[in-house]
Amino acid sequence: MLIKLSVLNNMGSYGVQMLFPVCLHQYLFDEFDADGLIKFCYKQKKKDSKGQVHSNRGGWHSRFFDLKDDNIISTHLKRGLSKSIFTSLHPNLNVEVVYWIMINPPKSYNTSHTHPNSHFSGVMWIKTPKKCGNISFDNPSEFSGFVEIQSYIEEVRKQTGVYTTYKFNPEAKRMITFPSSLRHEVKINESNEDRIAVSYNIHIGGE
């Protein structure tokens, strides 16, 4: 897609074409049982209060679930994935999805990380009080392309998404899916409430 920058050239003869972008898939649920999802998440935490430790610092990380599991989260994820990233993939691919619950209380966060052994990863936000922690993505070319990135004016950055880092404000009922190799972190929850989300990994096996 050629992005016209008319403010830079009133003749309309100049544009910027993105050649090697990183695809980020977004979906906003039209039907979302927030109360039921929150209840299920806290029920799982009650069953296993210790949880696991991965990138989480101070937050609770559940065991791993399979998309085939019969529960309210699987129902929502199936619907969200089928209406977002799965519409962009070849229909005959062998796809496996695992997910886990993340409950981040005040002052907790997730360190910078990637998701090895998977191809796509994502997050479905369930409860997102104000200032509960943005998700921040690092540009894979931050080092090699630093001078180029810093040289662009803000309009070019906004229209192309060429930043060294980019932050998304979490929003309940929304899910985003991105390449598992894309380094990211979750900032400190500065609210007085829990931040609840479901993270997932997608593994592509082939046709």
N, C-alpha and C. Protein backbone atom coordinates (compact mmCIF):
# COMPACT_ATOMS: atom_id res chain seq x y z
N MET A 1 0.84 -1.19 0.00
CA MET A 1 0.00 0.00 0.00
C MET A 1 0.87 1.24 0.00
N LEU A 2 0.58 2.18 -0.88
CA LEU A 2 1.34 3.42 -0.97
C LEU A 2 0.66 4.47 -0.12
N ILE A 3 1.38 5.00 0.84
CA ILE A 3 0.83 6.02 1.74
C ILE A 3 1.18 7.39 1.19
N LYS A 4 0.18 8.17 0.81
CA LYS A 4 0.40 9.49 0.28
C LYS A 4 0.69 10.48 1.40
N LEU A 5 1.71 11.27 1.22
CA LEU A 5 2.07 12.29 2.19
C LEU A 5 1.86 13.66 1.55
N SER A 6 0.60 14.03 1.37
CA SER A 6 0.27 15.24 0.64
C SER A 6 0.77 16.50 1.34
N VAL A 7 0.87 16.44 2.68
CA VAL A 7 1.34 17.62 3.40
C VAL A 7 2.79 17.92 3.07
N LEU A 8 3.52 16.90 2.63
CA LEU A 8 4.92 17.10 2.27
C LEU A 8 5.08 17.51 0.81
N ASN A 9 4.12 17.10 -0.01
CA ASN A 9 4.23 17.37 -1.43
C ASN A 9 2.83 17.57 -1.99
N ASN A 10 2.44 18.81 -2.17
CA ASN A 10 1.08 19.12 -2.60
C ASN A 10 0.77 18.61 -4.01
N MET A 11 1.80 18.25 -4.75
CA MET A 11 1.58 17.74 -6.10
C MET A 11 1.14 16.27 -6.07
N GLY A 12 1.27 15.60 -4.92
CA GLY A 12 0.82 14.22 -4.80
C GLY A 12 1.71 13.21 -5.50
N SER A 13 2.95 13.57 -5.80
CA SER A 13 3.84 12.66 -6.52
C SER A 13 4.76 11.88 -5.61
N TYR A 14 4.62 12.07 -4.31
CA TYR A 14 5.50 11.38 -3.36
C TYR A 14 4.67 10.56 -2.38
N GLY A 15 5.14 9.36 -2.11
CA GLY A 15 4.47 8.51 -1.12
C GLY A 15 5.46 7.57 -0.50
N VAL A 16 5.05 6.89 0.56
CA VAL A 16 5.91 5.92 1.24
C VAL A 16 5.23 4.56 1.17
N GLN A 17 5.93 3.57 0.67
CA GLN A 17 5.39 2.22 0.58
C GLN A 17 6.09 1.34 1.61
N MET A 18 5.31 0.66 2.45
CA MET A 18 5.88 -0.26 3.42
C MET A 18 6.22 -1.57 2.71
N LEU A 19 7.48 -1.98 2.80
CA LEU A 19 7.93 -3.16 2.07
C LEU A 19 8.01 -4.40 2.95
N PHE A 20 8.56 -4.29 4.13
CA PHE A 20 8.69 -5.44 5.02
C PHE A 20 8.07 -5.12 6.39
N PRO A 21 6.77 -4.98 6.44
CA PRO A 21 6.13 -4.63 7.72
C PRO A 21 6.00 -5.83 8.65
N VAL A 22 5.79 -5.57 9.91
CA VAL A 22 5.43 -6.60 10.89
C VAL A 22 3.92 -6.55 11.05
N CYS A 23 3.25 -7.65 10.78
CA CYS A 23 1.78 -7.67 10.83
C CYS A 23 1.29 -7.81 12.27
N LEU A 24 0.40 -6.93 12.65
CA LEU A 24 -0.23 -7.00 13.96
C LEU A 24 -1.74 -7.04 13.73
N HIS A 25 -2.38 -8.11 14.21
CA HIS A 25 -3.80 -8.34 13.97
C HIS A 25 -4.61 -7.92 15.20
N GLN A 26 -5.64 -7.10 14.98
CA GLN A 26 -6.46 -6.63 16.09
C GLN A 26 -7.91 -7.06 15.89
N TYR A 27 -8.57 -7.33 17.01
CA TYR A 27 -9.99 -7.68 16.95
C TYR A 27 -10.69 -7.16 18.20
N LEU A 28 -11.86 -6.54 18.01
CA LEU A 28 -12.68 -6.05 19.10
C LEU A 28 -13.95 -6.89 19.16
N PHE A 29 -14.17 -7.55 20.28
CA PHE A 29 -15.33 -8.44 20.44
C PHE A 29 -16.63 -7.64 20.44
N ASP A 30 -17.63 -8.16 19.74
CA ASP A 30 -18.96 -7.56 19.81
C ASP A 30 -19.78 -8.19 20.93
N GLU A 31 -19.45 -9.45 21.26
CA GLU A 31 -20.07 -10.13 22.40
C GLU A 31 -18.97 -10.57 23.35
N PHE A 32 -19.06 -10.16 24.60
CA PHE A 32 -17.97 -10.41 25.54
C PHE A 32 -18.52 -10.54 26.95
N ASP A 33 -18.41 -11.73 27.52
CA ASP A 33 -18.91 -12.00 28.87
C ASP A 33 -17.81 -11.70 29.89
N ALA A 34 -17.61 -10.41 30.16
CA ALA A 34 -16.52 -10.00 31.07
C ALA A 34 -16.68 -10.60 32.45
N ASP A 35 -17.89 -10.56 33.00
CA ASP A 35 -18.12 -11.08 34.35
C ASP A 35 -17.81 -12.57 34.43
N GLY A 36 -18.26 -13.32 33.42
CA GLY A 36 -18.01 -14.75 33.41
C GLY A 36 -16.53 -15.07 33.26
N LEU A 37 -15.83 -14.32 32.43
CA LEU A 37 -14.40 -14.52 32.23
C LEU A 37 -13.61 -14.21 33.50
N ILE A 38 -13.95 -13.10 34.13
CA ILE A 38 -13.26 -12.71 35.37
C ILE A 38 -13.49 -13.77 36.46
N LYS A 39 -14.71 -14.23 36.57
CA LYS A 39 -15.03 -15.26 37.56
C LYS A 39 -14.22 -16.52 37.31
N PHE A 40 -14.11 -16.94 36.04
CA PHE A 40 -13.35 -18.14 35.70
C PHE A 40 -11.87 -17.97 36.04
N CYS A 41 -11.32 -16.79 35.74
CA CYS A 41 -9.89 -16.54 36.00
C CYS A 41 -9.58 -16.63 37.49
N TYR A 42 -10.39 -16.01 38.32
CA TYR A 42 -10.14 -16.05 39.76
C TYR A 42 -10.35 -17.46 40.33
N LYS A 43 -11.26 -18.20 39.70
CA LYS A 43 -11.48 -19.59 40.13
C LYS A 43 -10.23 -20.42 39.88
N GLN A 44 -9.57 -20.19 38.74
CA GLN A 44 -8.34 -20.93 38.43
C GLN A 44 -7.22 -20.53 39.40
N LYS A 45 -7.17 -19.26 39.75
CA LYS A 45 -6.14 -18.81 40.70
C LYS A 45 -6.36 -19.42 42.08
N LYS A 46 -7.62 -19.57 42.46
CA LYS A 46 -7.94 -20.17 43.76
C LYS A 46 -7.50 -21.63 43.78
N LYS A 47 -7.61 -22.32 42.64
CA LYS A 47 -7.21 -23.72 42.57
C LYS A 47 -5.69 -23.88 42.67
N ASP A 48 -4.95 -22.90 42.16
CA ASP A 48 -3.49 -22.97 42.13
C ASP A 48 -2.93 -21.58 42.42
N SER A 49 -2.93 -21.20 43.69
CA SER A 49 -2.53 -19.84 44.07
C SER A 49 -1.06 -19.54 43.77
N LYS A 50 -0.22 -20.58 43.73
CA LYS A 50 1.20 -20.36 43.47
C LYS A 50 1.45 -20.01 42.01
N GLY A 51 0.78 -20.70 41.10
CA GLY A 51 0.95 -20.44 39.68
C GLY A 51 2.35 -20.74 39.18
N GLN A 52 2.74 -20.07 38.11
CA GLN A 52 4.05 -20.26 37.50
C GLN A 52 4.77 -18.91 37.38
N VAL A 53 6.08 -18.99 37.19
CA VAL A 53 6.87 -17.78 36.98
C VAL A 53 7.57 -17.88 35.63
N HIS A 54 7.28 -16.93 34.76
CA HIS A 54 7.94 -16.84 33.46
C HIS A 54 8.43 -15.41 33.31
N SER A 55 7.75 -14.59 32.55
CA SER A 55 8.14 -13.18 32.45
C SER A 55 7.49 -12.34 33.53
N ASN A 56 6.51 -12.91 34.23
CA ASN A 56 5.77 -12.16 35.24
C ASN A 56 6.61 -11.87 36.48
N ARG A 57 6.48 -10.67 36.95
CA ARG A 57 7.15 -10.23 38.18
C ARG A 57 6.08 -9.68 39.12
N GLY A 58 5.69 -10.52 40.06
CA GLY A 58 4.66 -10.14 41.02
C GLY A 58 3.26 -10.53 40.60
N GLY A 59 3.07 -10.88 39.36
CA GLY A 59 1.75 -11.28 38.88
C GLY A 59 1.56 -12.78 38.93
N TRP A 60 0.32 -13.21 38.70
CA TRP A 60 -0.01 -14.64 38.72
C TRP A 60 -0.14 -15.17 37.31
N HIS A 61 0.57 -16.25 37.02
CA HIS A 61 0.58 -16.92 35.72
C HIS A 61 -0.02 -18.31 35.91
N SER A 62 -1.10 -18.61 35.20
CA SER A 62 -1.78 -19.89 35.37
C SER A 62 -1.03 -21.01 34.68
N ARG A 63 -1.55 -22.21 34.81
CA ARG A 63 -1.06 -23.34 34.02
C ARG A 63 -1.44 -23.09 32.57
N PHE A 64 -0.96 -23.93 31.67
CA PHE A 64 -1.27 -23.78 30.26
C PHE A 64 -2.54 -24.55 29.91
N PHE A 65 -3.38 -23.91 29.14
CA PHE A 65 -4.62 -24.51 28.66
C PHE A 65 -4.50 -24.76 27.15
N ASP A 66 -5.33 -25.65 26.64
CA ASP A 66 -5.41 -25.92 25.21
C ASP A 66 -6.71 -25.33 24.68
N LEU A 67 -6.67 -24.82 23.45
CA LEU A 67 -7.88 -24.23 22.87
C LEU A 67 -9.02 -25.24 22.79
N LYS A 68 -8.69 -26.52 22.80
CA LYS A 68 -9.71 -27.56 22.74
C LYS A 68 -10.41 -27.74 24.08
N ASP A 69 -9.86 -27.19 25.16
CA ASP A 69 -10.50 -27.29 26.47
C ASP A 69 -11.88 -26.62 26.45
N ASP A 70 -12.80 -27.22 27.16
CA ASP A 70 -14.17 -26.71 27.18
C ASP A 70 -14.34 -25.74 28.34
N ASN A 71 -14.17 -24.47 28.06
CA ASN A 71 -14.39 -23.44 29.09
C ASN A 71 -14.69 -22.11 28.41
N ILE A 72 -15.02 -21.11 29.19
CA ILE A 72 -15.45 -19.83 28.67
C ILE A 72 -14.34 -19.09 27.93
N ILE A 73 -13.10 -19.28 28.34
CA ILE A 73 -11.99 -18.61 27.66
C ILE A 73 -11.80 -19.20 26.26
N SER A 74 -11.80 -20.53 26.16
CA SER A 74 -11.67 -21.17 24.86
C SER A 74 -12.75 -20.70 23.90
N THR A 75 -13.97 -20.57 24.42
CA THR A 75 -15.09 -20.13 23.59
C THR A 75 -14.82 -18.75 23.00
N HIS A 76 -14.35 -17.84 23.85
CA HIS A 76 -14.06 -16.48 23.39
C HIS A 76 -12.87 -16.45 22.43
N LEU A 77 -11.81 -17.17 22.78
CA LEU A 77 -10.62 -17.17 21.93
C LEU A 77 -10.93 -17.74 20.55
N LYS A 78 -11.68 -18.83 20.50
CA LYS A 78 -12.03 -19.43 19.21
C LYS A 78 -12.76 -18.41 18.34
N ARG A 79 -13.71 -17.71 18.94
CA ARG A 79 -14.47 -16.73 18.18
C ARG A 79 -13.58 -15.58 17.72
N GLY A 80 -12.73 -15.09 18.64
CA GLY A 80 -11.86 -13.97 18.29
C GLY A 80 -10.84 -14.32 17.22
N LEU A 81 -10.20 -15.47 17.36
CA LEU A 81 -9.20 -15.89 16.38
C LEU A 81 -9.82 -16.18 15.02
N SER A 82 -11.00 -16.77 15.03
CA SER A 82 -11.67 -17.13 13.76
C SER A 82 -12.11 -15.89 13.00
N LYS A 83 -12.29 -14.77 13.71
CA LYS A 83 -12.71 -13.54 13.06
C LYS A 83 -11.56 -12.56 12.83
N SER A 84 -10.36 -12.97 13.21
CA SER A 84 -9.21 -12.07 13.02
C SER A 84 -8.11 -12.79 12.25
N ILE A 85 -7.05 -13.21 12.92
CA ILE A 85 -5.87 -13.75 12.22
C ILE A 85 -6.18 -14.98 11.39
N PHE A 86 -7.10 -15.84 11.83
CA PHE A 86 -7.38 -17.06 11.07
C PHE A 86 -8.00 -16.75 9.71
N THR A 87 -8.57 -15.57 9.54
CA THR A 87 -9.10 -15.19 8.23
C THR A 87 -7.98 -14.83 7.26
N SER A 88 -6.76 -14.63 7.79
CA SER A 88 -5.62 -14.25 6.95
C SER A 88 -4.68 -15.42 6.67
N LEU A 89 -4.94 -16.57 7.27
CA LEU A 89 -4.08 -17.74 7.10
C LEU A 89 -4.71 -18.74 6.15
N HIS A 90 -3.88 -19.57 5.52
CA HIS A 90 -4.40 -20.63 4.66
C HIS A 90 -5.31 -21.55 5.49
N PRO A 91 -6.48 -21.88 5.01
CA PRO A 91 -7.45 -22.65 5.79
C PRO A 91 -7.04 -24.08 6.10
N ASN A 92 -6.10 -24.65 5.36
CA ASN A 92 -5.73 -26.05 5.56
C ASN A 92 -4.52 -26.24 6.48
N LEU A 93 -4.06 -25.16 7.09
CA LEU A 93 -2.91 -25.27 7.97
C LEU A 93 -3.27 -26.01 9.26
N ASN A 94 -2.33 -26.77 9.79
CA ASN A 94 -2.50 -27.44 11.07
C ASN A 94 -2.10 -26.47 12.17
N VAL A 95 -3.09 -25.97 12.91
CA VAL A 95 -2.86 -24.92 13.89
C VAL A 95 -3.12 -25.44 15.30
N GLU A 96 -2.18 -25.19 16.21
CA GLU A 96 -2.35 -25.53 17.62
C GLU A 96 -2.26 -24.26 18.45
N VAL A 97 -3.14 -24.14 19.43
CA VAL A 97 -3.18 -22.94 20.27
C VAL A 97 -3.17 -23.33 21.74
N VAL A 98 -2.25 -22.76 22.49
CA VAL A 98 -2.24 -22.90 23.94
C VAL A 98 -2.35 -21.50 24.54
N TYR A 99 -2.91 -21.42 25.74
CA TYR A 99 -3.07 -20.11 26.37
C TYR A 99 -2.95 -20.22 27.88
N TRP A 100 -2.83 -19.06 28.51
CA TRP A 100 -2.70 -19.01 29.97
C TRP A 100 -3.28 -17.69 30.47
N ILE A 101 -3.64 -17.68 31.74
CA ILE A 101 -4.24 -16.50 32.37
C ILE A 101 -3.15 -15.70 33.07
N MET A 102 -3.22 -14.39 32.93
CA MET A 102 -2.30 -13.50 33.63
C MET A 102 -3.11 -12.53 34.49
N ILE A 103 -2.88 -12.57 35.81
CA ILE A 103 -3.50 -11.62 36.72
C ILE A 103 -2.39 -10.78 37.33
N ASN A 104 -2.33 -9.52 36.95
CA ASN A 104 -1.29 -8.62 37.44
C ASN A 104 -1.88 -7.66 38.46
N PRO A 105 -1.59 -7.85 39.75
CA PRO A 105 -2.05 -6.92 40.77
C PRO A 105 -1.24 -5.62 40.71
N PRO A 106 -1.60 -4.62 41.49
CA PRO A 106 -0.84 -3.36 41.50
C PRO A 106 0.65 -3.60 41.71
N LYS A 107 1.47 -2.86 40.97
CA LYS A 107 2.94 -2.86 41.03
C LYS A 107 3.58 -4.06 40.33
N SER A 108 2.83 -4.96 39.76
CA SER A 108 3.42 -6.09 39.04
C SER A 108 3.59 -5.74 37.57
N TYR A 109 4.38 -6.54 36.87
CA TYR A 109 4.68 -6.27 35.46
C TYR A 109 5.23 -7.53 34.81
N ASN A 110 5.51 -7.45 33.51
CA ASN A 110 6.14 -8.56 32.78
C ASN A 110 7.40 -8.05 32.09
N THR A 111 8.49 -8.76 32.29
CA THR A 111 9.77 -8.35 31.71
C THR A 111 9.78 -8.54 30.19
N SER A 112 10.75 -7.93 29.54
CA SER A 112 10.90 -8.03 28.10
C SER A 112 11.18 -9.48 27.69
N HIS A 113 10.44 -9.97 26.67
CA HIS A 113 10.59 -11.36 26.28
C HIS A 113 10.01 -11.60 24.89
N THR A 114 10.31 -12.77 24.35
CA THR A 114 9.68 -13.28 23.14
C THR A 114 8.99 -14.60 23.50
N HIS A 115 8.39 -15.26 22.51
CA HIS A 115 7.71 -16.54 22.77
C HIS A 115 8.32 -17.63 21.87
N PRO A 116 9.42 -18.23 22.29
CA PRO A 116 10.06 -19.28 21.48
C PRO A 116 9.12 -20.48 21.27
N ASN A 117 9.42 -21.24 20.24
CA ASN A 117 8.68 -22.47 19.92
C ASN A 117 7.23 -22.23 19.52
N SER A 118 6.92 -21.00 19.09
CA SER A 118 5.60 -20.72 18.52
C SER A 118 5.79 -19.73 17.38
N HIS A 119 4.75 -19.51 16.61
CA HIS A 119 4.86 -18.64 15.43
C HIS A 119 4.11 -17.32 15.60
N PHE A 120 2.93 -17.38 16.23
CA PHE A 120 2.19 -16.18 16.56
C PHE A 120 1.87 -16.21 18.05
N SER A 121 1.77 -15.04 18.64
CA SER A 121 1.38 -14.92 20.04
C SER A 121 0.41 -13.76 20.15
N GLY A 122 -0.26 -13.69 21.28
CA GLY A 122 -1.22 -12.60 21.42
C GLY A 122 -1.76 -12.47 22.82
N VAL A 123 -2.64 -11.50 22.97
CA VAL A 123 -3.25 -11.24 24.27
C VAL A 123 -4.70 -10.84 24.07
N MET A 124 -5.56 -11.34 24.95
CA MET A 124 -6.97 -10.94 25.00
C MET A 124 -7.18 -10.27 26.35
N TRP A 125 -7.50 -8.98 26.34
CA TRP A 125 -7.66 -8.25 27.59
C TRP A 125 -9.05 -8.43 28.15
N ILE A 126 -9.12 -8.70 29.44
CA ILE A 126 -10.40 -8.96 30.11
C ILE A 126 -10.78 -7.85 31.08
N LYS A 127 -9.84 -7.46 31.94
CA LYS A 127 -10.07 -6.37 32.89
C LYS A 127 -8.90 -5.41 32.81
N THR A 128 -9.19 -4.14 32.49
CA THR A 128 -8.11 -3.18 32.24
C THR A 128 -8.40 -1.83 32.88
N PRO A 129 -8.22 -1.71 34.18
CA PRO A 129 -8.39 -0.39 34.81
C PRO A 129 -7.37 0.60 34.26
N LYS A 130 -7.63 1.87 34.42
CA LYS A 130 -6.72 2.90 33.92
C LYS A 130 -5.33 2.75 34.54
N LYS A 131 -4.30 2.93 33.73
CA LYS A 131 -2.90 2.87 34.16
C LYS A 131 -2.52 1.48 34.67
N CYS A 132 -3.12 0.44 34.07
CA CYS A 132 -2.84 -0.93 34.53
C CYS A 132 -1.63 -1.55 33.84
N GLY A 133 -1.01 -0.82 32.91
CA GLY A 133 0.20 -1.34 32.27
C GLY A 133 0.05 -1.53 30.77
N ASN A 134 0.69 -0.68 29.99
CA ASN A 134 0.69 -0.83 28.53
C ASN A 134 1.54 -2.02 28.12
N ILE A 135 1.28 -2.56 26.94
CA ILE A 135 2.18 -3.53 26.35
C ILE A 135 3.07 -2.77 25.37
N SER A 136 4.36 -2.98 25.47
CA SER A 136 5.33 -2.23 24.68
C SER A 136 6.10 -3.19 23.76
N PHE A 137 6.13 -2.88 22.46
CA PHE A 137 6.83 -3.70 21.47
C PHE A 137 8.12 -3.03 21.02
N ASP A 138 9.17 -3.82 20.84
CA ASP A 138 10.45 -3.31 20.33
C ASP A 138 10.56 -3.57 18.84
N ASN A 139 11.03 -2.59 18.11
CA ASN A 139 11.28 -2.75 16.68
C ASN A 139 12.44 -3.73 16.48
N PRO A 140 12.25 -4.80 15.70
CA PRO A 140 13.34 -5.76 15.47
C PRO A 140 14.58 -5.12 14.86
N SER A 141 14.40 -3.98 14.19
CA SER A 141 15.52 -3.28 13.55
C SER A 141 15.99 -2.08 14.37
N GLU A 142 15.67 -2.10 15.65
CA GLU A 142 16.01 -0.95 16.49
C GLU A 142 17.49 -0.61 16.44
N PHE A 143 18.35 -1.64 16.47
CA PHE A 143 19.79 -1.38 16.46
C PHE A 143 20.29 -0.99 15.08
N SER A 144 20.04 -1.85 14.10
CA SER A 144 20.58 -1.60 12.76
C SER A 144 19.93 -0.40 12.08
N GLY A 145 18.68 -0.11 12.42
CA GLY A 145 17.99 0.98 11.74
C GLY A 145 17.77 2.21 12.61
N PHE A 146 18.53 2.31 13.70
CA PHE A 146 18.28 3.38 14.68
C PHE A 146 18.35 4.77 14.04
N VAL A 147 19.41 5.05 13.30
CA VAL A 147 19.59 6.39 12.71
C VAL A 147 18.46 6.69 11.72
N GLU A 148 18.12 5.69 10.89
CA GLU A 148 17.03 5.88 9.94
C GLU A 148 15.73 6.22 10.66
N ILE A 149 15.40 5.42 11.67
CA ILE A 149 14.15 5.61 12.41
C ILE A 149 14.09 6.99 13.04
N GLN A 150 15.18 7.41 13.67
CA GLN A 150 15.21 8.70 14.35
C GLN A 150 15.19 9.87 13.38
N SER A 151 15.52 9.63 12.12
CA SER A 151 15.59 10.71 11.13
C SER A 151 14.23 11.12 10.60
N TYR A 152 13.23 10.23 10.68
CA TYR A 152 11.92 10.53 10.10
C TYR A 152 11.15 11.56 10.92
N ILE A 153 10.37 12.39 10.23
CA ILE A 153 9.48 13.31 10.93
C ILE A 153 8.32 12.51 11.51
N GLU A 154 7.60 13.11 12.45
CA GLU A 154 6.55 12.39 13.18
C GLU A 154 5.42 11.91 12.26
N GLU A 155 5.10 12.67 11.22
CA GLU A 155 4.01 12.24 10.34
C GLU A 155 4.34 10.92 9.65
N VAL A 156 5.59 10.77 9.21
CA VAL A 156 5.99 9.52 8.58
C VAL A 156 5.92 8.39 9.59
N ARG A 157 6.34 8.64 10.81
CA ARG A 157 6.29 7.59 11.84
C ARG A 157 4.86 7.16 12.11
N LYS A 158 3.96 8.11 12.22
CA LYS A 158 2.56 7.79 12.52
C LYS A 158 1.94 6.97 11.40
N GLN A 159 2.24 7.33 10.15
CA GLN A 159 1.59 6.66 9.03
C GLN A 159 2.23 5.32 8.68
N THR A 160 3.45 5.10 9.11
CA THR A 160 4.12 3.84 8.77
C THR A 160 4.34 2.93 9.97
N GLY A 161 4.21 3.47 11.19
CA GLY A 161 4.48 2.66 12.38
C GLY A 161 5.95 2.40 12.60
N VAL A 162 6.82 3.22 12.02
CA VAL A 162 8.27 3.03 12.17
C VAL A 162 8.74 3.76 13.42
N TYR A 163 8.79 3.04 14.52
CA TYR A 163 9.27 3.56 15.80
C TYR A 163 10.31 2.59 16.35
N THR A 164 11.11 3.04 17.30
CA THR A 164 12.01 2.11 17.98
C THR A 164 11.22 1.22 18.92
N THR A 165 10.21 1.79 19.58
CA THR A 165 9.27 1.03 20.41
C THR A 165 7.87 1.58 20.18
N TYR A 166 6.87 0.74 20.43
CA TYR A 166 5.50 1.18 20.26
C TYR A 166 4.65 0.60 21.39
N LYS A 167 3.84 1.43 22.02
CA LYS A 167 3.04 0.99 23.16
C LYS A 167 1.56 0.94 22.80
N PHE A 168 0.90 -0.13 23.27
CA PHE A 168 -0.54 -0.26 23.13
C PHE A 168 -1.18 -0.15 24.50
N ASN A 169 -2.20 0.67 24.58
CA ASN A 169 -2.95 0.78 25.82
C ASN A 169 -3.94 -0.38 25.89
N PRO A 170 -3.90 -1.21 26.93
CA PRO A 170 -4.81 -2.36 27.01
C PRO A 170 -6.26 -1.91 27.07
N GLU A 171 -7.11 -2.65 26.40
CA GLU A 171 -8.54 -2.33 26.35
C GLU A 171 -9.35 -3.62 26.45
N ALA A 172 -10.17 -3.72 27.46
CA ALA A 172 -11.01 -4.90 27.63
C ALA A 172 -11.86 -5.11 26.37
N LYS A 173 -12.07 -6.36 26.01
CA LYS A 173 -12.83 -6.78 24.83
C LYS A 173 -11.99 -6.76 23.57
N ARG A 174 -10.72 -6.40 23.66
CA ARG A 174 -9.87 -6.36 22.47
C ARG A 174 -8.79 -7.44 22.56
N MET A 175 -8.40 -7.98 21.41
CA MET A 175 -7.29 -8.91 21.36
C MET A 175 -6.37 -8.52 20.22
N ILE A 176 -5.07 -8.75 20.41
CA ILE A 176 -4.10 -8.49 19.36
C ILE A 176 -3.22 -9.73 19.20
N THR A 177 -2.83 -10.00 17.97
CA THR A 177 -1.97 -11.14 17.66
C THR A 177 -0.78 -10.63 16.86
N PHE A 178 0.41 -11.15 17.17
CA PHE A 178 1.64 -10.64 16.57
C PHE A 178 2.65 -11.78 16.41
N PRO A 179 3.71 -11.60 15.62
CA PRO A 179 4.72 -12.65 15.49
C PRO A 179 5.37 -12.94 16.85
N SER A 180 5.56 -14.22 17.15
CA SER A 180 6.12 -14.60 18.46
C SER A 180 7.53 -14.08 18.67
N SER A 181 8.21 -13.76 17.57
CA SER A 181 9.58 -13.26 17.67
C SER A 181 9.65 -11.79 18.06
N LEU A 182 8.52 -11.11 18.07
CA LEU A 182 8.50 -9.68 18.37
C LEU A 182 8.65 -9.46 19.87
N ARG A 183 9.76 -8.85 20.26
CA ARG A 183 10.05 -8.65 21.68
C ARG A 183 9.08 -7.62 22.28
N HIS A 184 8.60 -7.94 23.49
CA HIS A 184 7.61 -7.06 24.12
C HIS A 184 7.68 -7.21 25.64
N GLU A 185 7.04 -6.28 26.32
CA GLU A 185 6.96 -6.30 27.78
C GLU A 185 5.66 -5.63 28.21
N VAL A 186 5.25 -5.89 29.45
CA VAL A 186 4.08 -5.24 30.01
C VAL A 186 4.54 -4.34 31.14
N LYS A 187 4.20 -3.07 31.04
CA LYS A 187 4.65 -2.09 32.01
C LYS A 187 3.96 -2.29 33.37
N ILE A 188 4.46 -1.61 34.37
CA ILE A 188 3.96 -1.75 35.76
C ILE A 188 2.49 -1.35 35.85
N ASN A 189 1.73 -2.16 36.57
CA ASN A 189 0.33 -1.84 36.85
C ASN A 189 0.30 -0.75 37.91
N GLU A 190 -0.02 0.46 37.50
CA GLU A 190 -0.04 1.60 38.42
C GLU A 190 -1.44 1.90 38.94
N SER A 191 -2.37 1.01 38.67
CA SER A 191 -3.73 1.19 39.19
C SER A 191 -3.83 0.54 40.57
N ASN A 192 -5.01 0.59 41.14
CA ASN A 192 -5.25 -0.04 42.45
C ASN A 192 -6.05 -1.33 42.31
N GLU A 193 -6.14 -1.83 41.08
CA GLU A 193 -6.91 -3.04 40.82
C GLU A 193 -6.08 -4.04 40.02
N ASP A 194 -6.61 -5.26 39.93
CA ASP A 194 -5.95 -6.28 39.12
C ASP A 194 -6.14 -6.00 37.63
N ARG A 195 -5.12 -6.31 36.89
CA ARG A 195 -5.17 -6.31 35.42
C ARG A 195 -5.29 -7.77 35.01
N ILE A 196 -6.32 -8.14 34.25
CA ILE A 196 -6.54 -9.53 33.88
C ILE A 196 -6.51 -9.68 32.36
N ALA A 197 -5.71 -10.62 31.90
CA ALA A 197 -5.61 -10.88 30.46
C ALA A 197 -5.35 -12.36 30.23
N VAL A 198 -5.59 -12.78 29.02
CA VAL A 198 -5.25 -14.13 28.58
C VAL A 198 -4.23 -14.00 27.46
N SER A 199 -3.08 -14.64 27.62
CA SER A 199 -2.06 -14.66 26.57
C SER A 199 -2.10 -16.01 25.88
N TYR A 200 -1.67 -16.04 24.62
CA TYR A 200 -1.74 -17.30 23.87
C TYR A 200 -0.60 -17.41 22.86
N ASN A 201 -0.30 -18.66 22.51
CA ASN A 201 0.68 -18.98 21.48
C ASN A 201 0.01 -19.81 20.40
N ILE A 202 0.35 -19.52 19.15
CA ILE A 202 -0.17 -20.26 18.01
C ILE A 202 1.00 -20.93 17.30
N HIS A 203 0.91 -22.23 17.11
CA HIS A 203 1.94 -22.97 16.41
C HIS A 203 1.39 -23.47 15.08
N ILE A 204 2.08 -23.15 13.99
CA ILE A 204 1.65 -23.55 12.66
C ILE A 204 2.42 -24.81 12.25
N GLY A 205 1.69 -25.90 12.00
CA GLY A 205 2.33 -27.17 11.66
C GLY A 205 2.50 -27.41 10.18
N GLY A 206 1.65 -26.85 9.35
CA GLY A 206 1.70 -27.09 7.91
C GLY A 206 0.37 -27.63 7.41
N GLU A 207 0.29 -27.87 6.12
CA GLU A 207 -0.99 -28.33 5.55
C GLU A 207 -1.11 -29.84 5.62
